[in-house]
Amino acid sequence: MKEKKLVLRTCVCSKEVCEKKDLFRIVRTPEHTVVVDLKGKVNGRGAYLKKDKDVILQAKKSKVLDKKLEVSVPVEIYDELLGLL
């Protein structure tokens, strides 16, 4: 049988290369809203954050998602990410 290809992405905060399943995908939709994409199918500009409390808190503090997604990310998104851990 053919093996599945290992999909790697880079965390925008820690710059660590991880498997896609170990990261959250945060998306700015074409309507300029920000959502957490658990399926990986939402249209829009995406950024990946490692599934780690310290990384999420650091991203919130440094506003790295605001810069990468070019939109102000609401505090509720960070709360949702922490709740999903």
PDB file of N, CA and C in Angstrom:
ATOM      1  N   MET A   1       0.819  -1.187   0.000  1.00  0.00           N
ATOM      2  CA  MET A   1       0.000   0.000   0.000  1.00  0.00           C
ATOM      3  C   MET A   1       0.864   1.254   0.000  1.00  0.00           C
ATOM      4  N   LYS A   2       0.342   2.284  -0.588  1.00  0.00           N
ATOM      5  CA  LYS A   2       1.048   3.551  -0.651  1.00  0.00           C
ATOM      6  C   LYS A   2       0.933   4.282   0.693  1.00  0.00           C
ATOM      7  N   GLU A   3       2.063   4.803   1.195  1.00  0.00           N
ATOM      8  CA  GLU A   3       2.049   5.538   2.453  1.00  0.00           C
ATOM      9  C   GLU A   3       1.528   6.945   2.237  1.00  0.00           C
ATOM     10  N   LYS A   4       0.861   7.481   3.290  1.00  0.00           N
ATOM     11  CA  LYS A   4       0.393   8.860   3.220  1.00  0.00           C
ATOM     12  C   LYS A   4       1.575   9.805   3.324  1.00  0.00           C
ATOM     13  N   LYS A   5       1.500  10.902   2.567  1.00  0.00           N
ATOM     14  CA  LYS A   5       2.547  11.896   2.585  1.00  0.00           C
ATOM     15  C   LYS A   5       2.465  12.703   3.880  1.00  0.00           C
ATOM     16  N   LEU A   6       3.601  12.997   4.481  1.00  0.00           N
ATOM     17  CA  LEU A   6       3.668  13.791   5.701  1.00  0.00           C
ATOM     18  C   LEU A   6       3.515  15.264   5.340  1.00  0.00           C
ATOM     19  N   VAL A   7       2.470  15.908   5.879  1.00  0.00           N
ATOM     20  CA  VAL A   7       2.186  17.306   5.565  1.00  0.00           C
ATOM     21  C   VAL A   7       2.746  18.177   6.686  1.00  0.00           C
ATOM     22  N   LEU A   8       3.686  19.059   6.334  1.00  0.00           N
ATOM     23  CA  LEU A   8       4.330  19.930   7.313  1.00  0.00           C
ATOM     24  C   LEU A   8       3.941  21.380   7.081  1.00  0.00           C
ATOM     25  N   ARG A   9       3.761  22.116   8.170  1.00  0.00           N
ATOM     26  CA  ARG A   9       3.478  23.547   8.123  1.00  0.00           C
ATOM     27  C   ARG A   9       4.311  24.225   9.204  1.00  0.00           C
ATOM     28  N   THR A  10       4.482  25.544   9.094  1.00  0.00           N
ATOM     29  CA  THR A  10       5.272  26.303  10.054  1.00  0.00           C
ATOM     30  C   THR A  10       4.356  27.141  10.940  1.00  0.00           C
ATOM     31  N   CYS A  11       4.586  27.078  12.236  1.00  0.00           N
ATOM     32  CA  CYS A  11       3.857  27.900  13.201  1.00  0.00           C
ATOM     33  C   CYS A  11       4.316  29.341  13.030  1.00  0.00           C
ATOM     34  N   VAL A  12       3.361  30.283  12.931  1.00  0.00           N
ATOM     35  CA  VAL A  12       3.715  31.690  12.703  1.00  0.00           C
ATOM     36  C   VAL A  12       4.329  32.332  13.937  1.00  0.00           C
ATOM     37  N   CYS A  13       4.118  31.750  15.110  1.00  0.00           N
ATOM     38  CA  CYS A  13       4.642  32.335  16.340  1.00  0.00           C
ATOM     39  C   CYS A  13       6.006  31.750  16.707  1.00  0.00           C
ATOM     40  N   SER A  14       6.092  30.429  16.797  1.00  0.00           N
ATOM     41  CA  SER A  14       7.336  29.791  17.236  1.00  0.00           C
ATOM     42  C   SER A  14       8.288  29.480  16.084  1.00  0.00           C
ATOM     43  N   LYS A  15       7.820  29.616  14.845  1.00  0.00           N
ATOM     44  CA  LYS A  15       8.597  29.303  13.637  1.00  0.00           C
ATOM     45  C   LYS A  15       9.024  27.834  13.578  1.00  0.00           C
ATOM     46  N   GLU A  16       8.337  27.001  14.336  1.00  0.00           N
ATOM     47  CA  GLU A  16       8.637  25.582  14.392  1.00  0.00           C
ATOM     48  C   GLU A  16       7.880  24.845  13.292  1.00  0.00           C
ATOM     49  N   VAL A  17       8.553  23.944  12.589  1.00  0.00           N
ATOM     50  CA  VAL A  17       7.906  23.144  11.546  1.00  0.00           C
ATOM     51  C   VAL A  17       7.309  21.909  12.206  1.00  0.00           C
ATOM     52  N   CYS A  18       5.994  21.744  12.037  1.00  0.00           N
ATOM     53  CA  CYS A  18       5.258  20.644  12.665  1.00  0.00           C
ATOM     54  C   CYS A  18       4.355  19.978  11.642  1.00  0.00           C
ATOM     55  N   GLU A  19       3.855  18.801  12.014  1.00  0.00           N
ATOM     56  CA  GLU A  19       2.839  18.167  11.183  1.00  0.00           C
ATOM     57  C   GLU A  19       1.565  19.004  11.258  1.00  0.00           C
ATOM     58  N   LYS A  20       0.808  18.985  10.174  1.00  0.00           N
ATOM     59  CA  LYS A  20      -0.404  19.796  10.085  1.00  0.00           C
ATOM     60  C   LYS A  20      -1.389  19.470  11.202  1.00  0.00           C
ATOM     61  N   LYS A  21      -1.446  18.211  11.623  1.00  0.00           N
ATOM     62  CA  LYS A  21      -2.393  17.799  12.664  1.00  0.00           C
ATOM     63  C   LYS A  21      -2.032  18.353  14.038  1.00  0.00           C
ATOM     64  N   ASP A  22      -0.797  18.825  14.225  1.00  0.00           N
ATOM     65  CA  ASP A  22      -0.351  19.388  15.499  1.00  0.00           C
ATOM     66  C   ASP A  22      -0.512  20.898  15.555  1.00  0.00           C
ATOM     67  N   LEU A  23      -1.203  21.476  14.578  1.00  0.00           N
ATOM     68  CA  LEU A  23      -1.356  22.922  14.487  1.00  0.00           C
ATOM     69  C   LEU A  23      -2.829  23.306  14.347  1.00  0.00           C
ATOM     70  N   PHE A  24      -3.168  24.501  14.821  1.00  0.00           N
ATOM     71  CA  PHE A  24      -4.480  25.099  14.556  1.00  0.00           C
ATOM     72  C   PHE A  24      -4.345  25.960  13.313  1.00  0.00           C
ATOM     73  N   ARG A  25      -5.399  25.992  12.475  1.00  0.00           N
ATOM     74  CA  ARG A  25      -5.417  26.889  11.321  1.00  0.00           C
ATOM     75  C   ARG A  25      -6.410  28.003  11.613  1.00  0.00           C
ATOM     76  N   ILE A  26      -5.923  29.232  11.543  1.00  0.00           N
ATOM     77  CA  ILE A  26      -6.759  30.406  11.747  1.00  0.00           C
ATOM     78  C   ILE A  26      -6.873  31.100  10.397  1.00  0.00           C
ATOM     79  N   VAL A  27      -8.100  31.439   9.987  1.00  0.00           N
ATOM     80  CA  VAL A  27      -8.347  31.927   8.634  1.00  0.00           C
ATOM     81  C   VAL A  27      -9.020  33.294   8.652  1.00  0.00           C
ATOM     82  N   ARG A  28      -8.531  34.188   7.775  1.00  0.00           N
ATOM     83  CA  ARG A  28      -9.246  35.437   7.482  1.00  0.00           C
ATOM     84  C   ARG A  28     -10.042  35.168   6.211  1.00  0.00           C
ATOM     85  N   THR A  29     -11.349  35.198   6.336  1.00  0.00           N
ATOM     86  CA  THR A  29     -12.212  34.891   5.200  1.00  0.00           C
ATOM     87  C   THR A  29     -12.246  36.077   4.236  1.00  0.00           C
ATOM     88  N   PRO A  30     -12.759  35.882   3.027  1.00  0.00           N
ATOM     89  CA  PRO A  30     -12.886  37.001   2.083  1.00  0.00           C
ATOM     90  C   PRO A  30     -13.747  38.156   2.620  1.00  0.00           C
ATOM     91  N   GLU A  31     -14.612  37.879   3.605  1.00  0.00           N
ATOM     92  CA  GLU A  31     -15.442  38.924   4.215  1.00  0.00           C
ATOM     93  C   GLU A  31     -14.702  39.630   5.353  1.00  0.00           C
ATOM     94  N   HIS A  32     -13.411  39.321   5.540  1.00  0.00           N
ATOM     95  CA  HIS A  32     -12.544  39.905   6.583  1.00  0.00           C
ATOM     96  C   HIS A  32     -12.986  39.566   7.998  1.00  0.00           C
ATOM     97  N   THR A  33     -13.554  38.370   8.179  1.00  0.00           N
ATOM     98  CA  THR A  33     -13.812  37.852   9.517  1.00  0.00           C
ATOM     99  C   THR A  33     -12.749  36.802   9.813  1.00  0.00           C
ATOM    100  N   VAL A  34     -12.506  36.543  11.079  1.00  0.00           N
ATOM    101  CA  VAL A  34     -11.485  35.573  11.475  1.00  0.00           C
ATOM    102  C   VAL A  34     -12.174  34.387  12.125  1.00  0.00           C
ATOM    103  N   VAL A  35     -11.822  33.173  11.661  1.00  0.00           N
ATOM    104  CA  VAL A  35     -12.404  31.949  12.206  1.00  0.00           C
ATOM    105  C   VAL A  35     -11.299  30.919  12.437  1.00  0.00           C
ATOM    106  N   VAL A  36     -11.581  29.996  13.365  1.00  0.00           N
ATOM    107  CA  VAL A  36     -10.693  28.858  13.582  1.00  0.00           C
ATOM    108  C   VAL A  36     -11.184  27.749  12.671  1.00  0.00           C
ATOM    109  N   ASP A  37     -10.299  27.257  11.817  1.00  0.00           N
ATOM    110  CA  ASP A  37     -10.650  26.242  10.818  1.00  0.00           C
ATOM    111  C   ASP A  37     -10.172  24.877  11.304  1.00  0.00           C
ATOM    112  N   LEU A  38     -11.098  24.069  11.810  1.00  0.00           N
ATOM    113  CA  LEU A  38     -10.724  22.756  12.329  1.00  0.00           C
ATOM    114  C   LEU A  38     -10.620  21.708  11.228  1.00  0.00           C
ATOM    115  N   LYS A  39     -11.322  21.893  10.118  1.00  0.00           N
ATOM    116  CA  LYS A  39     -11.313  20.924   9.023  1.00  0.00           C
ATOM    117  C   LYS A  39     -10.232  21.217   7.978  1.00  0.00           C
ATOM    118  N   GLY A  40      -9.755  22.455   7.923  1.00  0.00           N
ATOM    119  CA  GLY A  40      -8.749  22.818   6.926  1.00  0.00           C
ATOM    120  C   GLY A  40      -9.328  23.095   5.559  1.00  0.00           C
ATOM    121  N   LYS A  41     -10.614  23.437   5.493  1.00  0.00           N
ATOM    122  CA  LYS A  41     -11.284  23.613   4.200  1.00  0.00           C
ATOM    123  C   LYS A  41     -11.810  25.024   3.949  1.00  0.00           C
ATOM    124  N   VAL A  42     -11.762  25.901   4.957  1.00  0.00           N
ATOM    125  CA  VAL A  42     -12.346  27.233   4.827  1.00  0.00           C
ATOM    126  C   VAL A  42     -11.520  28.072   3.850  1.00  0.00           C
ATOM    127  N   ASN A  43     -12.222  28.795   2.956  1.00  0.00           N
ATOM    128  CA  ASN A  43     -11.543  29.670   2.003  1.00  0.00           C
ATOM    129  C   ASN A  43     -11.003  30.897   2.722  1.00  0.00           C
ATOM    130  N   GLY A  44      -9.847  31.352   2.283  1.00  0.00           N
ATOM    131  CA  GLY A  44      -9.279  32.572   2.829  1.00  0.00           C
ATOM    132  C   GLY A  44      -7.804  32.412   3.134  1.00  0.00           C
ATOM    133  N   ARG A  45      -7.232  33.475   3.698  1.00  0.00           N
ATOM    134  CA  ARG A  45      -5.818  33.482   4.052  1.00  0.00           C
ATOM    135  C   ARG A  45      -5.656  32.796   5.401  1.00  0.00           C
ATOM    136  N   GLY A  46      -4.804  31.798   5.464  1.00  0.00           N
ATOM    137  CA  GLY A  46      -4.630  31.020   6.681  1.00  0.00           C
ATOM    138  C   GLY A  46      -3.278  31.218   7.332  1.00  0.00           C
ATOM    139  N   ALA A  47      -3.253  30.989   8.635  1.00  0.00           N
ATOM    140  CA  ALA A  47      -2.022  31.001   9.416  1.00  0.00           C
ATOM    141  C   ALA A  47      -2.124  29.856  10.416  1.00  0.00           C
ATOM    142  N   TYR A  48      -0.987  29.265  10.745  1.00  0.00           N
ATOM    143  CA  TYR A  48      -0.967  28.108  11.627  1.00  0.00           C
ATOM    144  C   TYR A  48      -0.331  28.451  12.964  1.00  0.00           C
ATOM    145  N   LEU A  49      -0.946  27.944  14.052  1.00  0.00           N
ATOM    146  CA  LEU A  49      -0.417  28.092  15.405  1.00  0.00           C
ATOM    147  C   LEU A  49      -0.312  26.720  16.045  1.00  0.00           C
ATOM    148  N   LYS A  50       0.788  26.484  16.720  1.00  0.00           N
ATOM    149  CA  LYS A  50       1.009  25.204  17.393  1.00  0.00           C
ATOM    150  C   LYS A  50      -0.014  25.022  18.509  1.00  0.00           C
ATOM    151  N   LYS A  51      -0.445  23.779  18.711  1.00  0.00           N
ATOM    152  CA  LYS A  51      -1.408  23.461  19.765  1.00  0.00           C
ATOM    153  C   LYS A  51      -0.675  23.407  21.102  1.00  0.00           C
ATOM    154  N   ASP A  52      -0.343  24.599  21.615  1.00  0.00           N
ATOM    155  CA  ASP A  52       0.395  24.724  22.868  1.00  0.00           C
ATOM    156  C   ASP A  52      -0.054  26.010  23.556  1.00  0.00           C
ATOM    157  N   LYS A  53      -0.370  25.915  24.833  1.00  0.00           N
ATOM    158  CA  LYS A  53      -0.885  27.071  25.571  1.00  0.00           C
ATOM    159  C   LYS A  53       0.098  28.243  25.534  1.00  0.00           C
ATOM    160  N   ASP A  54       1.386  27.959  25.751  1.00  0.00           N
ATOM    161  CA  ASP A  54       2.390  29.028  25.770  1.00  0.00           C
ATOM    162  C   ASP A  54       2.493  29.731  24.421  1.00  0.00           C
ATOM    163  N   VAL A  55       2.419  28.971  23.331  1.00  0.00           N
ATOM    164  CA  VAL A  55       2.506  29.553  21.991  1.00  0.00           C
ATOM    165  C   VAL A  55       1.289  30.434  21.714  1.00  0.00           C
ATOM    166  N   ILE A  56       0.102  29.980  22.108  1.00  0.00           N
ATOM    167  CA  ILE A  56      -1.115  30.759  21.882  1.00  0.00           C
ATOM    168  C   ILE A  56      -1.072  32.066  22.678  1.00  0.00           C
ATOM    169  N   LEU A  57      -0.628  31.993  23.931  1.00  0.00           N
ATOM    170  CA  LEU A  57      -0.521  33.206  24.754  1.00  0.00           C
ATOM    171  C   LEU A  57       0.535  34.160  24.200  1.00  0.00           C
ATOM    172  N   GLN A  58       1.641  33.626  23.695  1.00  0.00           N
ATOM    173  CA  GLN A  58       2.682  34.465  23.093  1.00  0.00           C
ATOM    174  C   GLN A  58       2.154  35.137  21.821  1.00  0.00           C
ATOM    175  N   ALA A  59       1.391  34.401  21.019  1.00  0.00           N
ATOM    176  CA  ALA A  59       0.806  34.968  19.800  1.00  0.00           C
ATOM    177  C   ALA A  59      -0.167  36.085  20.139  1.00  0.00           C
ATOM    178  N   LYS A  60      -0.935  35.906  21.206  1.00  0.00           N
ATOM    179  CA  LYS A  60      -1.879  36.936  21.648  1.00  0.00           C
ATOM    180  C   LYS A  60      -1.123  38.193  22.088  1.00  0.00           C
ATOM    181  N   LYS A  61      -0.048  37.996  22.819  1.00  0.00           N
ATOM    182  CA  LYS A  61       0.738  39.123  23.337  1.00  0.00           C
ATOM    183  C   LYS A  61       1.451  39.885  22.222  1.00  0.00           C
ATOM    184  N   SER A  62       2.049  39.147  21.274  1.00  0.00           N
ATOM    185  CA  SER A  62       2.836  39.782  20.209  1.00  0.00           C
ATOM    186  C   SER A  62       2.000  40.212  19.009  1.00  0.00           C
ATOM    187  N   LYS A  63       0.712  39.794  18.982  1.00  0.00           N
ATOM    188  CA  LYS A  63      -0.203  40.127  17.875  1.00  0.00           C
ATOM    189  C   LYS A  63       0.335  39.658  16.517  1.00  0.00           C
ATOM    190  N   VAL A  64       0.995  38.503  16.503  1.00  0.00           N
ATOM    191  CA  VAL A  64       1.565  37.968  15.266  1.00  0.00           C
ATOM    192  C   VAL A  64       0.463  37.596  14.263  1.00  0.00           C
ATOM    193  N   LEU A  65      -0.698  37.137  14.755  1.00  0.00           N
ATOM    194  CA  LEU A  65      -1.802  36.794  13.843  1.00  0.00           C
ATOM    195  C   LEU A  65      -2.361  38.037  13.175  1.00  0.00           C
ATOM    196  N   ASP A  66      -2.410  39.154  13.899  1.00  0.00           N
ATOM    197  CA  ASP A  66      -2.874  40.414  13.306  1.00  0.00           C
ATOM    198  C   ASP A  66      -2.004  40.779  12.108  1.00  0.00           C
ATOM    199  N   LYS A  67      -0.699  40.594  12.248  1.00  0.00           N
ATOM    200  CA  LYS A  67       0.240  40.948  11.181  1.00  0.00           C
ATOM    201  C   LYS A  67       0.131  39.982  10.005  1.00  0.00           C
ATOM    202  N   LYS A  68       0.054  38.690  10.301  1.00  0.00           N
ATOM    203  CA  LYS A  68       0.013  37.689   9.222  1.00  0.00           C
ATOM    204  C   LYS A  68      -1.301  37.702   8.452  1.00  0.00           C
ATOM    205  N   LEU A  69      -2.406  37.924   9.166  1.00  0.00           N
ATOM    206  CA  LEU A  69      -3.718  37.895   8.515  1.00  0.00           C
ATOM    207  C   LEU A  69      -4.165  39.281   8.049  1.00  0.00           C
ATOM    208  N   GLU A  70      -3.398  40.305   8.407  1.00  0.00           N
ATOM    209  CA  GLU A  70      -3.665  41.679   7.990  1.00  0.00           C
ATOM    210  C   GLU A  70      -5.056  42.157   8.419  1.00  0.00           C
ATOM    211  N   VAL A  71      -5.460  41.750   9.620  1.00  0.00           N
ATOM    212  CA  VAL A  71      -6.743  42.159  10.188  1.00  0.00           C
ATOM    213  C   VAL A  71      -6.625  42.025  11.707  1.00  0.00           C
ATOM    214  N   SER A  72      -7.429  42.765  12.440  1.00  0.00           N
ATOM    215  CA  SER A  72      -7.412  42.679  13.900  1.00  0.00           C
ATOM    216  C   SER A  72      -8.121  41.396  14.341  1.00  0.00           C
ATOM    217  N   VAL A  73      -7.397  40.546  15.060  1.00  0.00           N
ATOM    218  CA  VAL A  73      -7.944  39.270  15.513  1.00  0.00           C
ATOM    219  C   VAL A  73      -8.622  39.483  16.865  1.00  0.00           C
ATOM    220  N   PRO A  74      -9.924  39.137  16.985  1.00  0.00           N
ATOM    221  CA  PRO A  74     -10.635  39.339  18.257  1.00  0.00           C
ATOM    222  C   PRO A  74     -10.084  38.433  19.366  1.00  0.00           C
ATOM    223  N   VAL A  75     -10.235  38.872  20.605  1.00  0.00           N
ATOM    224  CA  VAL A  75      -9.777  38.110  21.774  1.00  0.00           C
ATOM    225  C   VAL A  75     -10.515  36.776  21.864  1.00  0.00           C
ATOM    226  N   GLU A  76     -11.745  36.729  21.363  1.00  0.00           N
ATOM    227  CA  GLU A  76     -12.544  35.500  21.428  1.00  0.00           C
ATOM    228  C   GLU A  76     -11.874  34.347  20.670  1.00  0.00           C
ATOM    229  N   ILE A  77     -11.121  34.660  19.623  1.00  0.00           N
ATOM    230  CA  ILE A  77     -10.424  33.621  18.851  1.00  0.00           C
ATOM    231  C   ILE A  77      -9.377  32.939  19.726  1.00  0.00           C
ATOM    232  N   TYR A  78      -8.629  33.721  20.488  1.00  0.00           N
ATOM    233  CA  TYR A  78      -7.618  33.155  21.378  1.00  0.00           C
ATOM    234  C   TYR A  78      -8.274  32.342  22.483  1.00  0.00           C
ATOM    235  N   ASP A  79      -9.412  32.824  23.002  1.00  0.00           N
ATOM    236  CA  ASP A  79     -10.153  32.079  24.023  1.00  0.00           C
ATOM    237  C   ASP A  79     -10.645  30.738  23.456  1.00  0.00           C
ATOM    238  N   GLU A  80     -11.112  30.764  22.211  1.00  0.00           N
ATOM    239  CA  GLU A  80     -11.580  29.535  21.564  1.00  0.00           C
ATOM    240  C   GLU A  80     -10.425  28.552  21.382  1.00  0.00           C
ATOM    241  N   LEU A  81      -9.263  29.050  20.975  1.00  0.00           N
ATOM    242  CA  LEU A  81      -8.094  28.177  20.807  1.00  0.00           C
ATOM    243  C   LEU A  81      -7.689  27.549  22.126  1.00  0.00           C
ATOM    244  N   LEU A  82      -7.671  28.334  23.192  1.00  0.00           N
ATOM    245  CA  LEU A  82      -7.319  27.788  24.510  1.00  0.00           C
ATOM    246  C   LEU A  82      -8.357  26.765  24.977  1.00  0.00           C
ATOM    247  N   GLY A  83      -9.614  26.993  24.625  1.00  0.00           N
ATOM    248  CA  GLY A  83     -10.677  26.044  24.979  1.00  0.00           C
ATOM    249  C   GLY A  83     -10.575  24.731  24.220  1.00  0.00           C
ATOM    250  N   LEU A  84     -10.003  24.776  23.012  1.00  0.00           N
ATOM    251  CA  LEU A  84      -9.871  23.573  22.188  1.00  0.00           C
ATOM    252  C   LEU A  84      -8.702  22.681  22.606  1.00  0.00           C
ATOM    253  N   LEU A  85      -7.812  23.214  23.447  1.00  0.00           N
ATOM    254  CA  LEU A  85      -6.661  22.416  23.900  1.00  0.00           C
ATOM    255  C   LEU A  85      -7.131  21.292  24.731  1.00  0.00           C
TER     256      LEU A  85
END
